C-alpha atoms as a PDB file:
ATOM      1  CA  MET A   1     -11.856 -28.242  23.616  1.00  0.00           C
ATOM      2  CA  LYS A   2      -8.433 -30.160  23.196  1.00  0.00           C
ATOM      3  CA  THR A   3      -5.667 -27.614  24.419  1.00  0.00           C
ATOM      4  CA  PRO A   4      -1.920 -28.966  23.737  1.00  0.00           C
ATOM      5  CA  PRO A   5       0.193 -30.428  26.342  1.00  0.00           C
ATOM      6  CA  ILE A   6       1.113 -28.229  29.728  1.00  0.00           C
ATOM      7  CA  VAL A   7       4.824 -28.458  29.812  1.00  0.00           C
ATOM      8  CA  SER A   8       7.896 -27.706  31.619  1.00  0.00           C
ATOM      9  CA  PRO A   9       9.845 -24.105  30.881  1.00  0.00           C
ATOM     10  CA  GLN A  10      12.547 -26.101  29.002  1.00  0.00           C
ATOM     11  CA  GLU A  11      10.190 -27.850  26.924  1.00  0.00           C
ATOM     12  CA  TRP A  12       8.210 -24.652  26.008  1.00  0.00           C
ATOM     13  CA  GLU A  13      11.745 -22.902  24.995  1.00  0.00           C
ATOM     14  CA  ALA A  14      12.712 -26.195  23.221  1.00  0.00           C
ATOM     15  CA  ALA A  15       9.619 -26.166  21.241  1.00  0.00           C
ATOM     16  CA  ARG A  16       9.720 -22.403  20.629  1.00  0.00           C
ATOM     17  CA  GLN A  17      12.959 -22.639  19.016  1.00  0.00           C
ATOM     18  CA  GLN A  18      12.027 -25.318  16.759  1.00  0.00           C
ATOM     19  CA  LEU A  19       9.266 -23.287  15.236  1.00  0.00           C
ATOM     20  CA  LEU A  20      11.342 -20.351  15.095  1.00  0.00           C
ATOM     21  CA  VAL A  21      13.121 -22.040  12.509  1.00  0.00           C
ATOM     22  CA  LYS A  22      10.410 -22.588  10.054  1.00  0.00           C
ATOM     23  CA  GLU A  23       9.454 -18.746  11.307  1.00  0.00           C
ATOM     24  CA  LYS A  24      12.687 -17.575  10.091  1.00  0.00           C
ATOM     25  CA  ALA A  25      12.399 -19.463   6.849  1.00  0.00           C
ATOM     26  CA  HIS A  26       8.823 -18.021   6.158  1.00  0.00           C
ATOM     27  CA  THR A  27      10.440 -14.531   6.658  1.00  0.00           C
ATOM     28  CA  ARG A  28      13.274 -15.182   4.140  1.00  0.00           C
ATOM     29  CA  ALA A  29      10.699 -16.491   1.769  1.00  0.00           C
ATOM     30  CA  ARG A  30       8.443 -13.302   2.268  1.00  0.00           C
ATOM     31  CA  ASP A  31      11.610 -10.967   1.522  1.00  0.00           C
ATOM     32  CA  ALA A  32      12.575 -13.355  -1.499  1.00  0.00           C
ATOM     33  CA  LEU A  33       8.789 -12.878  -2.871  1.00  0.00           C
ATOM     34  CA  ALA A  34       8.997  -9.014  -2.241  1.00  0.00           C
ATOM     35  CA  ALA A  35      12.313  -8.929  -4.159  1.00  0.00           C
ATOM     36  CA  GLU A  36      10.129 -10.546  -7.318  1.00  0.00           C
ATOM     37  CA  ARG A  37       7.808  -8.027  -7.158  1.00  0.00           C
ATOM     38  CA  ARG A  38      10.887  -5.458  -7.549  1.00  0.00           C
ATOM     39  CA  ARG A  39      11.418  -6.910 -10.881  1.00  0.00           C
ATOM     40  CA  MET A  40       8.019  -6.973 -12.171  1.00  0.00           C
ATOM     41  CA  PRO A  41       7.692  -5.464 -15.059  1.00  0.00           C
ATOM     42  CA  TRP A  42       5.487  -2.160 -15.499  1.00  0.00           C
ATOM     43  CA  LEU A  43       2.427  -1.577 -17.245  1.00  0.00           C
ATOM     44  CA  ALA A  44       1.791   1.640 -18.318  1.00  0.00           C
ATOM     45  CA  VAL A  45      -1.386   3.714 -17.936  1.00  0.00           C
ATOM     46  CA  GLU A  46      -2.724   5.182 -21.014  1.00  0.00           C
ATOM     47  CA  LYS A  47      -6.311   6.548 -20.088  1.00  0.00           C
ATOM     48  CA  GLN A  48      -6.897   9.052 -17.948  1.00  0.00           C
ATOM     49  CA  TYR A  49      -8.914   8.747 -15.080  1.00  0.00           C
ATOM     50  CA  GLU A  50     -11.441  10.953 -12.802  1.00  0.00           C
ATOM     51  CA  PHE A  51     -11.856  10.999  -9.297  1.00  0.00           C
ATOM     52  CA  GLU A  52     -13.427  13.515  -6.843  1.00  0.00           C
ATOM     53  CA  GLY A  53     -11.734  14.742  -3.512  1.00  0.00           C
ATOM     54  CA  PRO A  54     -12.053  17.034  -1.107  1.00  0.00           C
ATOM     55  CA  GLU A  55     -10.597  20.019  -3.052  1.00  0.00           C
ATOM     56  CA  GLY A  56     -12.779  18.827  -6.438  1.00  0.00           C
ATOM     57  CA  SER A  57     -12.109  16.934  -9.235  1.00  0.00           C
ATOM     58  CA  ALA A  58      -8.643  14.703  -9.262  1.00  0.00           C
ATOM     59  CA  SER A  59      -6.820  12.849 -11.675  1.00  0.00           C
ATOM     60  CA  LEU A  60      -4.992   9.412 -11.178  1.00  0.00           C
ATOM     61  CA  LEU A  61      -1.408  11.754 -11.166  1.00  0.00           C
ATOM     62  CA  ASP A  62      -3.262  14.304  -8.401  1.00  0.00           C
ATOM     63  CA  LEU A  63      -3.640  11.487  -6.005  1.00  0.00           C
ATOM     64  CA  PHE A  64       0.453  11.110  -5.797  1.00  0.00           C
ATOM     65  CA  ASP A  65       0.387  13.877  -3.883  1.00  0.00           C
ATOM     66  CA  GLY A  66       3.715  14.675  -5.750  1.00  0.00           C
ATOM     67  CA  ARG A  67       5.211  11.519  -4.322  1.00  0.00           C
ATOM     68  CA  ARG A  68       6.938   8.790  -6.825  1.00  0.00           C
ATOM     69  CA  GLN A  69       4.490   6.156  -5.721  1.00  0.00           C
ATOM     70  CA  LEU A  70       0.998   5.572  -5.270  1.00  0.00           C
ATOM     71  CA  ILE A  71      -1.138   2.832  -3.502  1.00  0.00           C
ATOM     72  CA  VAL A  72      -5.061   2.680  -4.210  1.00  0.00           C
ATOM     73  CA  TYR A  73      -6.966   0.568  -2.328  1.00  0.00           C
ATOM     74  CA  ARG A  74     -10.227   0.076  -3.445  1.00  0.00           C
ATOM     75  CA  ALA A  75     -12.996   0.077  -0.390  1.00  0.00           C
ATOM     76  CA  PHE A  76     -16.914  -0.621  -0.923  1.00  0.00           C
ATOM     77  CA  PHE A  77     -18.854   1.900   0.235  1.00  0.00           C
ATOM     78  CA  GLU A  78     -21.615   2.836  -2.002  1.00  0.00           C
ATOM     79  CA  PRO A  79     -25.095   2.150  -2.016  1.00  0.00           C
ATOM     80  CA  GLY A  80     -26.317  -1.512  -1.851  1.00  0.00           C
ATOM     81  CA  VAL A  81     -23.181  -2.014   0.052  1.00  0.00           C
ATOM     82  CA  PHE A  82     -24.474  -3.525   3.489  1.00  0.00           C
ATOM     83  CA  GLY A  83     -24.087  -0.996   6.393  1.00  0.00           C
ATOM     84  CA  TRP A  84     -24.620   1.761   4.094  1.00  0.00           C
ATOM     85  CA  PRO A  85     -24.993   4.843   4.190  1.00  0.00           C
ATOM     86  CA  GLU A  86     -23.514   4.917   8.154  1.00  0.00           C
ATOM     87  CA  HIS A  87     -20.894   2.381   7.199  1.00  0.00           C
ATOM     88  CA  ALA A  88     -18.496   0.914   4.689  1.00  0.00           C
ATOM     89  CA  CYS A  89     -18.204  -2.833   4.007  1.00  0.00           C
ATOM     90  CA  ARG A  90     -17.131  -4.643   7.007  1.00  0.00           C
ATOM     91  CA  GLY A  91     -14.145  -6.347   5.673  1.00  0.00           C
ATOM     92  CA  CYS A  92     -12.718  -3.124   4.180  1.00  0.00           C
ATOM     93  CA  SER A  93     -13.731  -1.293   7.595  1.00  0.00           C
ATOM     94  CA  PHE A  94     -11.969  -4.124   9.867  1.00  0.00           C
ATOM     95  CA  LEU A  95      -8.654  -3.261   6.822  1.00  0.00           C
ATOM     96  CA  ALA A  96      -8.742   0.767   7.321  1.00  0.00           C
ATOM     97  CA  ASP A  97      -8.980   0.298  11.176  1.00  0.00           C
ATOM     98  CA  GLN A  98      -5.345  -1.262  10.592  1.00  0.00           C
ATOM     99  CA  VAL A  99      -3.571   1.542   8.681  1.00  0.00           C
ATOM    100  CA  ALA A 100      -0.661   2.414   9.805  1.00  0.00           C
ATOM    101  CA  HIS A 101       0.409   6.302  10.246  1.00  0.00           C
ATOM    102  CA  LEU A 102       0.520   7.609   6.977  1.00  0.00           C
ATOM    103  CA  ALA A 103       3.815   9.510   7.734  1.00  0.00           C
ATOM    104  CA  HIS A 104       5.719   6.504   7.456  1.00  0.00           C
ATOM    105  CA  LEU A 105       4.766   5.734   4.337  1.00  0.00           C
ATOM    106  CA  ASN A 106       5.253   9.445   2.723  1.00  0.00           C
ATOM    107  CA  ALA A 107       8.673   9.178   4.143  1.00  0.00           C
ATOM    108  CA  ARG A 108       9.347   6.868   1.746  1.00  0.00           C
ATOM    109  CA  ASP A 109       8.101   8.857  -1.018  1.00  0.00           C
ATOM    110  CA  THR A 110       4.893   6.979  -1.455  1.00  0.00           C
ATOM    111  CA  THR A 111       1.071   8.202  -0.884  1.00  0.00           C
ATOM    112  CA  LEU A 112      -1.690   5.775   0.261  1.00  0.00           C
ATOM    113  CA  VAL A 113      -5.215   6.379  -0.524  1.00  0.00           C
ATOM    114  CA  PHE A 114      -8.568   4.933  -0.487  1.00  0.00           C
ATOM    115  CA  ALA A 115     -11.429   5.132  -3.358  1.00  0.00           C
ATOM    116  CA  SER A 116     -14.908   4.412  -3.465  1.00  0.00           C
ATOM    117  CA  ARG A 117     -17.952   5.342  -5.135  1.00  0.00           C
ATOM    118  CA  ALA A 118     -19.877   6.798  -2.494  1.00  0.00           C
ATOM    119  CA  PRO A 119     -20.171  11.020  -2.886  1.00  0.00           C
ATOM    120  CA  GLN A 120     -17.701  12.729  -0.890  1.00  0.00           C
ATOM    121  CA  ALA A 121     -19.862  13.919   1.563  1.00  0.00           C
ATOM    122  CA  ASP A 122     -20.709  10.520   2.752  1.00  0.00           C
ATOM    123  CA  ILE A 123     -16.756   9.348   2.743  1.00  0.00           C
ATOM    124  CA  GLU A 124     -15.881  12.722   4.823  1.00  0.00           C
ATOM    125  CA  ARG A 125     -19.136  11.819   7.100  1.00  0.00           C
ATOM    126  CA  LEU A 126     -17.912   8.186   7.479  1.00  0.00           C
ATOM    127  CA  LYS A 127     -13.957   9.310   8.085  1.00  0.00           C
ATOM    128  CA  ALA A 128     -15.035  11.416  10.598  1.00  0.00           C
ATOM    129  CA  ARG A 129     -17.440   8.929  12.549  1.00  0.00           C
ATOM    130  CA  MET A 130     -14.384   6.038  12.335  1.00  0.00           C
ATOM    131  CA  GLY A 131     -11.353   8.373  13.175  1.00  0.00           C
ATOM    132  CA  TRP A 132      -9.712   7.384   9.594  1.00  0.00           C
ATOM    133  CA  ALA A 133      -7.363   9.461   8.206  1.00  0.00           C
ATOM    134  CA  MET A 134      -6.567   8.764   5.012  1.00  0.00           C
ATOM    135  CA  PRO A 135      -7.334  10.419   1.649  1.00  0.00           C
ATOM    136  CA  TRP A 136     -10.223   8.785   0.229  1.00  0.00           C
ATOM    137  CA  TYR A 137     -11.872   9.426  -3.218  1.00  0.00           C
ATOM    138  CA  THR A 138     -14.764   9.287  -5.033  1.00  0.00           C
ATOM    139  CA  VAL A 139     -14.499   7.053  -8.351  1.00  0.00           C
ATOM    140  CA  LYS A 140     -15.865   8.460 -11.083  1.00  0.00           C
ATOM    141  CA  ASP A 141     -15.384   6.487 -14.231  1.00  0.00           C
ATOM    142  CA  SER A 142     -13.784   2.839 -14.815  1.00  0.00           C
ATOM    143  CA  PHE A 143     -11.278   2.959 -12.915  1.00  0.00           C
ATOM    144  CA  ASP A 144     -12.242  -0.172 -10.585  1.00  0.00           C
ATOM    145  CA  THR A 145     -13.556  -1.973 -13.470  1.00  0.00           C
ATOM    146  CA  ASP A 146     -10.163  -1.374 -15.470  1.00  0.00           C
ATOM    147  CA  PHE A 147      -7.872  -2.488 -12.372  1.00  0.00           C
ATOM    148  CA  GLY A 148      -9.780  -5.387 -11.244  1.00  0.00           C
ATOM    149  CA  VAL A 149     -11.834  -4.100  -8.327  1.00  0.00           C
ATOM    150  CA  ASP A 150     -15.188  -3.511  -9.747  1.00  0.00           C
ATOM    151  CA  GLU A 151     -16.678  -6.336  -7.766  1.00  0.00           C
ATOM    152  CA  TRP A 152     -14.209  -7.216  -4.955  1.00  0.00           C
ATOM    153  CA  HIS A 153     -11.662  -5.150  -2.941  1.00  0.00           C
ATOM    154  CA  GLY A 154      -7.750  -4.795  -4.399  1.00  0.00           C
ATOM    155  CA  THR A 155      -4.811  -3.204  -3.546  1.00  0.00           C
ATOM    156  CA  ASN A 156      -3.216  -1.584  -6.612  1.00  0.00           C
ATOM    157  CA  ALA A 157       0.514  -0.027  -6.554  1.00  0.00           C
ATOM    158  CA  PHE A 158       1.449   2.497  -9.295  1.00  0.00           C
ATOM    159  CA  ILE A 159       4.833   4.542  -9.707  1.00  0.00           C
ATOM    160  CA  ARG A 160       5.180   7.734 -11.937  1.00  0.00           C
ATOM    161  CA  ASP A 161       7.811   9.340 -13.996  1.00  0.00           C
ATOM    162  CA  GLY A 162       6.960  12.897 -14.375  1.00  0.00           C
ATOM    163  CA  GLY A 163       3.432  12.552 -15.778  1.00  0.00           C
ATOM    164  CA  GLN A 164       3.641   9.084 -17.101  1.00  0.00           C
ATOM    165  CA  VAL A 165       1.933   6.450 -14.695  1.00  0.00           C
ATOM    166  CA  PHE A 166       2.742   2.907 -14.632  1.00  0.00           C
ATOM    167  CA  ARG A 167       1.206   0.098 -12.759  1.00  0.00           C
ATOM    168  CA  THR A 168       3.465  -2.357 -11.385  1.00  0.00           C
ATOM    169  CA  TYR A 169       1.591  -4.396  -8.421  1.00  0.00           C
ATOM    170  CA  PHE A 170      -1.804  -6.216  -7.290  1.00  0.00           C
ATOM    171  CA  ILE A 171      -3.156  -7.499  -4.293  1.00  0.00           C
ATOM    172  CA  ASN A 172      -6.721  -8.925  -3.544  1.00  0.00           C
ATOM    173  CA  SER A 173      -8.616 -11.535  -2.088  1.00  0.00           C
ATOM    174  CA  ARG A 174      -6.602 -12.761   1.355  1.00  0.00           C
ATOM    175  CA  GLY A 175      -3.404 -10.673   0.019  1.00  0.00           C
ATOM    176  CA  ASP A 176      -5.419  -8.083   1.406  1.00  0.00           C
ATOM    177  CA  GLU A 177      -5.743  -9.695   4.978  1.00  0.00           C
ATOM    178  CA  ALA A 178      -1.817  -8.545   5.336  1.00  0.00           C
ATOM    179  CA  MET A 179      -2.145  -4.979   4.298  1.00  0.00           C
ATOM    180  CA  GLY A 180      -2.065  -1.910   6.653  1.00  0.00           C
ATOM    181  CA  SER A 181       1.008  -2.061   7.981  1.00  0.00           C
ATOM    182  CA  THR A 182       3.864   0.290   6.687  1.00  0.00           C
ATOM    183  CA  TRP A 183       6.208  -2.554   5.805  1.00  0.00           C
ATOM    184  CA  SER A 184       3.417  -4.585   4.062  1.00  0.00           C
ATOM    185  CA  TYR A 185       2.433  -1.651   1.960  1.00  0.00           C
ATOM    186  CA  LEU A 186       6.408  -0.860   0.713  1.00  0.00           C
ATOM    187  CA  ASP A 187       6.832  -4.493   0.143  1.00  0.00           C
ATOM    188  CA  VAL A 188       4.108  -4.557  -2.837  1.00  0.00           C
ATOM    189  CA  THR A 189       5.720  -1.239  -4.317  1.00  0.00           C
ATOM    190  CA  ALA A 190       8.147  -1.262  -7.087  1.00  0.00           C
ATOM    191  CA  LEU A 191      10.626   0.454  -4.746  1.00  0.00           C
ATOM    192  CA  GLY A 192      10.116  -1.517  -1.821  1.00  0.00           C
ATOM    193  CA  ARG A 193      11.377  -0.491   1.762  1.00  0.00           C
ATOM    194  CA  GLN A 194      14.171   1.135  -0.022  1.00  0.00           C
ATOM    195  CA  GLU A 195      16.988  -0.137   2.517  1.00  0.00           C
ATOM    196  CA  GLU A 196      20.129  -1.670   1.742  1.00  0.00           C
ATOM    197  CA  TRP A 197      19.790  -5.210   2.890  1.00  0.00           C
ATOM    198  CA  GLU A 198      17.021  -5.719   0.188  1.00  0.00           C
ATOM    199  CA  ASP A 199      17.677  -7.179  -3.052  1.00  0.00           C
ATOM    200  CA  SER A 200      17.028  -4.713  -5.358  1.00  0.00           C
ATOM    201  CA  PRO A 201      17.265  -3.638  -8.898  1.00  0.00           C
ATOM    202  CA  GLU A 202      20.784  -2.193  -9.596  1.00  0.00           C
ATOM    203  CA  GLY A 203      20.152   2.260  -8.854  1.00  0.00           C
ATOM    204  CA  TYR A 204      17.215   1.638  -6.893  1.00  0.00           C
ATOM    205  CA  PRO A 205      16.978   3.965  -3.922  1.00  0.00           C
ATOM    206  CA  GLN A 206      18.395   2.487  -0.727  1.00  0.00           C
ATOM    207  CA  THR A 207      19.382   4.191   2.991  1.00  0.00           C
ATOM    208  CA  PRO A 208      20.530   1.994   5.861  1.00  0.00           C
ATOM    209  CA  PRO A 209      17.780   0.602   8.186  1.00  0.00           C
ATOM    210  CA  TYR A 210      17.004   2.386  11.172  1.00  0.00           C
ATOM    211  CA  LYS A 211      18.499   5.502   9.953  1.00  0.00           C
ATOM    212  CA  TRP A 212      14.693   6.872   7.974  1.00  0.00           C
ATOM    213  CA  TRP A 213      12.643   5.708  11.070  1.00  0.00           C
ATOM    214  CA  ASN A 214      11.644   8.913  13.061  1.00  0.00           C
ATOM    215  CA  TRP A 215       8.466  10.074  15.121  1.00  0.00           C
ATOM    216  CA  HIS A 216       5.670  10.364  12.693  1.00  0.00           C
ATOM    217  CA  ASP A 217       5.297  14.045  13.541  1.00  0.00           C
ATOM    218  CA  ALA A 218       9.065  14.146  13.091  1.00  0.00           C
ATOM    219  CA  TYR A 219       9.424  14.027   9.109  1.00  0.00           C
ATOM    220  CA  GLU A 220      10.396  16.793   7.082  1.00  0.00           C
ATOM    221  CA  ASP A 221       8.121  17.742   4.313  1.00  0.00           C
ATOM    222  CA  THR A 222       7.789  14.381   1.905  1.00  0.00           C
ATOM    223  CA  THR A 223       5.729  16.046  -0.936  1.00  0.00           C
ATOM    224  CA  GLY A 224       7.805  16.248  -3.926  1.00  0.00           C
ATOM    225  CA  SER A 225      10.143  13.491  -5.605  1.00  0.00           C
ATOM    226  CA  ALA A 226      12.997  15.243  -7.025  1.00  0.00           C
ATOM    227  CA  GLN A 227      15.545  13.073  -4.708  1.00  0.00           C
ATOM    228  CA  TRP A 228      14.420   9.739  -6.625  1.00  0.00           C
ATOM    229  CA  SER A 229      13.715  10.789 -10.030  1.00  0.00           C
ATOM    230  CA  ASN A 230      16.905  10.018 -11.320  1.00  0.00           C
ATOM    231  CA  VAL A 231      16.863   6.562 -10.165  1.00  0.00           C
ATOM    232  CA  VAL A 232      13.410   5.934 -11.466  1.00  0.00           C
ATOM    233  CA  ASP A 233      14.219   7.307 -14.600  1.00  0.00           C
ATOM    234  CA  ARG A 234      16.893   4.838 -15.026  1.00  0.00           C
ATOM    235  CA  ALA A 235      14.177   1.861 -13.868  1.00  0.00           C
ATOM    236  CA  VAL A 236      11.578   3.152 -16.559  1.00  0.00           C
ATOM    237  CA  GLU A 237      14.063   2.637 -18.841  1.00  0.00           C
ATOM    238  CA  SER A 238      14.587  -1.092 -18.222  1.00  0.00           C
ATOM    239  CA  PRO A 239      11.689  -1.936 -15.695  1.00  0.00           C
ATOM    240  CA  THR A 240      12.553  -5.448 -15.586  1.00  0.00           C
ATOM    241  CA  THR A 241      16.231  -5.070 -15.057  1.00  0.00           C
END
């Protein structure tokens, strides 16, 4: 193994500062890309989809759990997948292990769920074994095929206006590597992090950074979305503004 040179503290700090310039540029480019996502056109979801959850049959709208935004990760856990029935696919399980506490996403009016073709009994057993807490639904129809995740994993983002659901973005392949943190999930949604520093379309919900952050057991109930309804109603009229 050919290692880098061993240097003095001053030389090491100079090298770090030189690389920091590129890292800050990378951060700014990432923020600009997220701003472009918030200006993506929306695709109306006209088809009715059926899932099965712990409490029985559920529609795509039900998966929102009363919130304004929904993120659905298609995880491979079904007959034929390596590890079945004790485990889901190793890559999907790797991602599941990285998912941050859901209360922070919920505080931004956003719900994250996983979906697979495995029966609920197997899903509940797997979640208990692995210590996972995310809602996890069984796909019952063509949802995975229709949204580009029938043969591979992927993350779809949705937003709703009342009973109308819109698809707003999609991440797959290596894009899923970065998923798991609260920030990475919010950055692929239509409303973003909803903080004042972000470059978002006029009228989008924004609050000061840090002010909304809280301990995950101290947030108020975040089910229901009346606080954002007027904002998103305007966005639906012209989602590409």
